[in-house]
Amino acid sequence: MLDGGVEAALSSAGMAIEVIRDPISLARLRDIAQSQFGDVVKAVVDVQRGAIAIGGELHADEEALLLEEGARQADLWGINLYPDRPAAETIEFDSMINVRPSQGNRSRFVEDRELQRRIRDVVARLIGA
């Protein structure tokens, strides 16, 4: 475990995936975005345990790490974080791992408003100014 309640693992592409359990700065999120995709960080939110895996090339890599740690797949939702957008546009609820007809989610988008709120709450608690 790294400082600040952050654990790291490598994705299949060799990118470091971090599991965030304690708040990180928006500046740190920007640095991660710049080192990977430029303006976006892929993330998987564990809405039950209140953690976020970030830094993978694919949401599936982050999801796999959280599953290895004991998370339930039903609690894991893929999002994209845009640290330089206005606060209302920071989170994009789009990922292939979100296609879950058995949970009533038939698209890549997180369709349930209550689930979106729970995801926003975890992000707001862990990624600050």
C-alpha atoms as a PDB file:
ATOM      1  CA  MET A   1       0.000   0.000   0.000  1.00  0.00           C
ATOM      2  CA  LEU A   2       1.255   3.465  -0.888  1.00  0.00           C
ATOM      3  CA  ASP A   3       0.836   6.596   1.220  1.00  0.00           C
ATOM      4  CA  GLY A   4      -2.669   7.943   1.628  1.00  0.00           C
ATOM      5  CA  GLY A   5      -4.556   4.644   1.455  1.00  0.00           C
ATOM      6  CA  VAL A   6      -3.647   4.039  -2.179  1.00  0.00           C
ATOM      7  CA  GLU A   7      -2.845   0.586  -3.494  1.00  0.00           C
ATOM      8  CA  ALA A   8      -1.268   0.083  -6.891  1.00  0.00           C
ATOM      9  CA  ALA A   9      -1.198  -2.731  -9.417  1.00  0.00           C
ATOM     10  CA  LEU A  10      -0.275  -2.909 -13.086  1.00  0.00           C
ATOM     11  CA  SER A  11      -2.855  -3.236 -15.827  1.00  0.00           C
ATOM     12  CA  SER A  12      -2.332  -5.505 -18.801  1.00  0.00           C
ATOM     13  CA  ALA A  13      -0.727  -2.563 -20.627  1.00  0.00           C
ATOM     14  CA  GLY A  14       1.678  -1.891 -17.755  1.00  0.00           C
ATOM     15  CA  MET A  15      -0.137   1.226 -16.521  1.00  0.00           C
ATOM     16  CA  ALA A  16      -0.369   1.593 -12.765  1.00  0.00           C
ATOM     17  CA  ILE A  17      -3.852   1.131 -11.396  1.00  0.00           C
ATOM     18  CA  GLU A  18      -4.432   2.761  -8.038  1.00  0.00           C
ATOM     19  CA  VAL A  19      -7.255   2.037  -5.633  1.00  0.00           C
ATOM     20  CA  ILE A  20      -8.221   5.290  -3.977  1.00  0.00           C
ATOM     21  CA  ARG A  21      -9.712   5.032  -0.501  1.00  0.00           C
ATOM     22  CA  ASP A  22      -8.595   8.381   0.886  1.00  0.00           C
ATOM     23  CA  PRO A  23      -9.037  11.764  -0.818  1.00  0.00           C
ATOM     24  CA  ILE A  24      -6.658  12.855  -3.565  1.00  0.00           C
ATOM     25  CA  SER A  25      -6.371  16.315  -5.081  1.00  0.00           C
ATOM     26  CA  LEU A  26      -7.857  17.381  -8.377  1.00  0.00           C
ATOM     27  CA  ALA A  27      -4.302  18.382  -9.349  1.00  0.00           C
ATOM     28  CA  ARG A  28      -3.165  14.769  -8.873  1.00  0.00           C
ATOM     29  CA  LEU A  29      -6.063  13.563 -11.022  1.00  0.00           C
ATOM     30  CA  ARG A  30      -4.995  16.050 -13.726  1.00  0.00           C
ATOM     31  CA  ASP A  31      -1.435  14.653 -13.583  1.00  0.00           C
ATOM     32  CA  ILE A  32      -2.751  11.117 -14.036  1.00  0.00           C
ATOM     33  CA  ALA A  33      -4.883  12.246 -16.999  1.00  0.00           C
ATOM     34  CA  GLN A  34      -1.919  13.993 -18.629  1.00  0.00           C
ATOM     35  CA  SER A  35       0.289  10.926 -18.247  1.00  0.00           C
ATOM     36  CA  GLN A  36      -2.285   8.660 -19.901  1.00  0.00           C
ATOM     37  CA  PHE A  37      -5.021   9.959 -22.168  1.00  0.00           C
ATOM     38  CA  GLY A  38      -4.495  13.715 -21.939  1.00  0.00           C
ATOM     39  CA  ASP A  39      -7.792  14.952 -20.545  1.00  0.00           C
ATOM     40  CA  VAL A  40      -9.522  11.891 -19.083  1.00  0.00           C
ATOM     41  CA  VAL A  41      -8.974   9.253 -16.410  1.00  0.00           C
ATOM     42  CA  LYS A  42     -10.823   5.954 -16.641  1.00  0.00           C
ATOM     43  CA  ALA A  43     -12.194   4.881 -13.276  1.00  0.00           C
ATOM     44  CA  VAL A  44     -14.268   2.143 -11.684  1.00  0.00           C
ATOM     45  CA  VAL A  45     -16.290   3.066  -8.611  1.00  0.00           C
ATOM     46  CA  ASP A  46     -17.153   0.527  -5.923  1.00  0.00           C
ATOM     47  CA  VAL A  47     -20.370   2.056  -4.615  1.00  0.00           C
ATOM     48  CA  GLN A  48     -20.604  -0.386  -1.709  1.00  0.00           C
ATOM     49  CA  ARG A  49     -17.063  -0.038  -0.334  1.00  0.00           C
ATOM     50  CA  GLY A  50     -16.615   3.604  -1.329  1.00  0.00           C
ATOM     51  CA  ALA A  51     -13.410   3.144  -3.336  1.00  0.00           C
ATOM     52  CA  ILE A  52     -12.305   4.132  -6.832  1.00  0.00           C
ATOM     53  CA  ALA A  53      -9.800   2.315  -9.057  1.00  0.00           C
ATOM     54  CA  ILE A  54      -8.065   4.707 -11.462  1.00  0.00           C
ATOM     55  CA  GLY A  55      -5.212   4.669 -13.929  1.00  0.00           C
ATOM     56  CA  GLY A  56      -5.946   1.614 -16.039  1.00  0.00           C
ATOM     57  CA  GLU A  57      -5.994   1.572 -19.798  1.00  0.00           C
ATOM     58  CA  LEU A  58      -9.345  -0.232 -19.683  1.00  0.00           C
ATOM     59  CA  HIS A  59     -12.193  -0.116 -17.186  1.00  0.00           C
ATOM     60  CA  ALA A  60     -12.049  -3.923 -17.245  1.00  0.00           C
ATOM     61  CA  ASP A  61      -8.502  -3.860 -15.807  1.00  0.00           C
ATOM     62  CA  GLU A  62      -9.623  -1.681 -12.901  1.00  0.00           C
ATOM     63  CA  GLU A  63     -12.710  -3.824 -12.395  1.00  0.00           C
ATOM     64  CA  ALA A  64     -10.534  -6.964 -12.260  1.00  0.00           C
ATOM     65  CA  LEU A  65      -8.319  -5.463  -9.553  1.00  0.00           C
ATOM     66  CA  LEU A  66     -11.311  -4.526  -7.396  1.00  0.00           C
ATOM     67  CA  LEU A  67     -12.811  -8.001  -7.878  1.00  0.00           C
ATOM     68  CA  GLU A  68      -9.496  -9.550  -6.758  1.00  0.00           C
ATOM     69  CA  GLU A  69      -9.781  -7.446  -3.605  1.00  0.00           C
ATOM     70  CA  GLY A  70     -13.189  -8.914  -2.842  1.00  0.00           C
ATOM     71  CA  ALA A  71     -15.582  -6.418  -4.417  1.00  0.00           C
ATOM     72  CA  ARG A  72     -18.894  -7.620  -5.837  1.00  0.00           C
ATOM     73  CA  GLN A  73     -19.333  -7.024  -9.555  1.00  0.00           C
ATOM     74  CA  ALA A  74     -22.848  -5.671  -8.948  1.00  0.00           C
ATOM     75  CA  ASP A  75     -21.255  -2.775  -7.015  1.00  0.00           C
ATOM     76  CA  LEU A  76     -18.688  -1.785  -9.684  1.00  0.00           C
ATOM     77  CA  TRP A  77     -19.468   0.899 -12.263  1.00  0.00           C
ATOM     78  CA  GLY A  78     -17.211   2.363 -14.939  1.00  0.00           C
ATOM     79  CA  ILE A  79     -16.918   6.110 -15.420  1.00  0.00           C
ATOM     80  CA  ASN A  80     -14.608   8.603 -17.049  1.00  0.00           C
ATOM     81  CA  LEU A  81     -13.321  11.595 -15.101  1.00  0.00           C
ATOM     82  CA  TYR A  82     -12.515  14.878 -16.836  1.00  0.00           C
ATOM     83  CA  PRO A  83     -10.619  16.994 -14.273  1.00  0.00           C
ATOM     84  CA  ASP A  84     -10.555  20.159 -16.410  1.00  0.00           C
ATOM     85  CA  ARG A  85     -14.291  20.315 -17.123  1.00  0.00           C
ATOM     86  CA  PRO A  86     -16.765  22.256 -14.963  1.00  0.00           C
ATOM     87  CA  ALA A  87     -17.847  20.298 -11.860  1.00  0.00           C
ATOM     88  CA  ALA A  88     -21.218  19.334 -13.361  1.00  0.00           C
ATOM     89  CA  GLU A  89     -19.435  17.776 -16.372  1.00  0.00           C
ATOM     90  CA  THR A  90     -16.538  16.028 -14.609  1.00  0.00           C
ATOM     91  CA  ILE A  91     -18.140  12.568 -14.564  1.00  0.00           C
ATOM     92  CA  GLU A  92     -19.135  10.665 -17.686  1.00  0.00           C
ATOM     93  CA  PHE A  93     -21.127   7.506 -16.880  1.00  0.00           C
ATOM     94  CA  ASP A  94     -19.917   5.520 -19.904  1.00  0.00           C
ATOM     95  CA  SER A  95     -18.186   2.137 -19.934  1.00  0.00           C
ATOM     96  CA  MET A  96     -18.591  -1.288 -21.481  1.00  0.00           C
ATOM     97  CA  ILE A  97     -18.551  -2.841 -18.001  1.00  0.00           C
ATOM     98  CA  ASN A  98     -21.849  -1.061 -17.290  1.00  0.00           C
ATOM     99  CA  VAL A  99     -23.813  -3.207 -19.758  1.00  0.00           C
ATOM    100  CA  ARG A 100     -25.719  -5.355 -17.271  1.00  0.00           C
ATOM    101  CA  PRO A 101     -29.172  -6.429 -18.422  1.00  0.00           C
ATOM    102  CA  SER A 102     -29.525  -8.600 -15.289  1.00  0.00           C
ATOM    103  CA  GLN A 103     -29.307  -5.406 -13.201  1.00  0.00           C
ATOM    104  CA  GLY A 104     -31.602  -3.456 -15.503  1.00  0.00           C
ATOM    105  CA  ASN A 105     -28.763  -1.501 -17.155  1.00  0.00           C
ATOM    106  CA  ARG A 106     -28.924  -2.247 -20.870  1.00  0.00           C
ATOM    107  CA  SER A 107     -26.384   0.289 -22.147  1.00  0.00           C
ATOM    108  CA  ARG A 108     -22.874   1.571 -21.492  1.00  0.00           C
ATOM    109  CA  PHE A 109     -24.419   4.525 -19.642  1.00  0.00           C
ATOM    110  CA  VAL A 110     -25.351   4.232 -15.942  1.00  0.00           C
ATOM    111  CA  GLU A 111     -29.102   4.622 -16.363  1.00  0.00           C
ATOM    112  CA  ASP A 112     -30.327   4.631 -12.733  1.00  0.00           C
ATOM    113  CA  ARG A 113     -30.383   8.159 -11.234  1.00  0.00           C
ATOM    114  CA  GLU A 114     -29.973   6.891  -7.668  1.00  0.00           C
ATOM    115  CA  LEU A 115     -26.914   4.884  -8.718  1.00  0.00           C
ATOM    116  CA  GLN A 116     -25.510   7.975 -10.447  1.00  0.00           C
ATOM    117  CA  ARG A 117     -25.978   9.887  -7.186  1.00  0.00           C
ATOM    118  CA  ARG A 118     -24.116   7.194  -5.224  1.00  0.00           C
ATOM    119  CA  ILE A 119     -21.258   7.281  -7.745  1.00  0.00           C
ATOM    120  CA  ARG A 120     -21.122  11.090  -7.537  1.00  0.00           C
ATOM    121  CA  ASP A 121     -21.011  10.879  -3.734  1.00  0.00           C
ATOM    122  CA  VAL A 122     -17.993   8.525  -3.785  1.00  0.00           C
ATOM    123  CA  VAL A 123     -16.200  10.711  -6.359  1.00  0.00           C
ATOM    124  CA  ALA A 124     -16.957  13.887  -4.384  1.00  0.00           C
ATOM    125  CA  ARG A 125     -15.588  12.328  -1.188  1.00  0.00           C
ATOM    126  CA  LEU A 126     -12.383  11.025  -2.781  1.00  0.00           C
ATOM    127  CA  ILE A 127     -11.451  13.589  -5.422  1.00  0.00           C
ATOM    128  CA  GLY A 128     -11.264  17.125  -4.121  1.00  0.00           C
ATOM    129  CA  ALA A 129      -9.759  20.488  -4.907  1.00  0.00           C
END
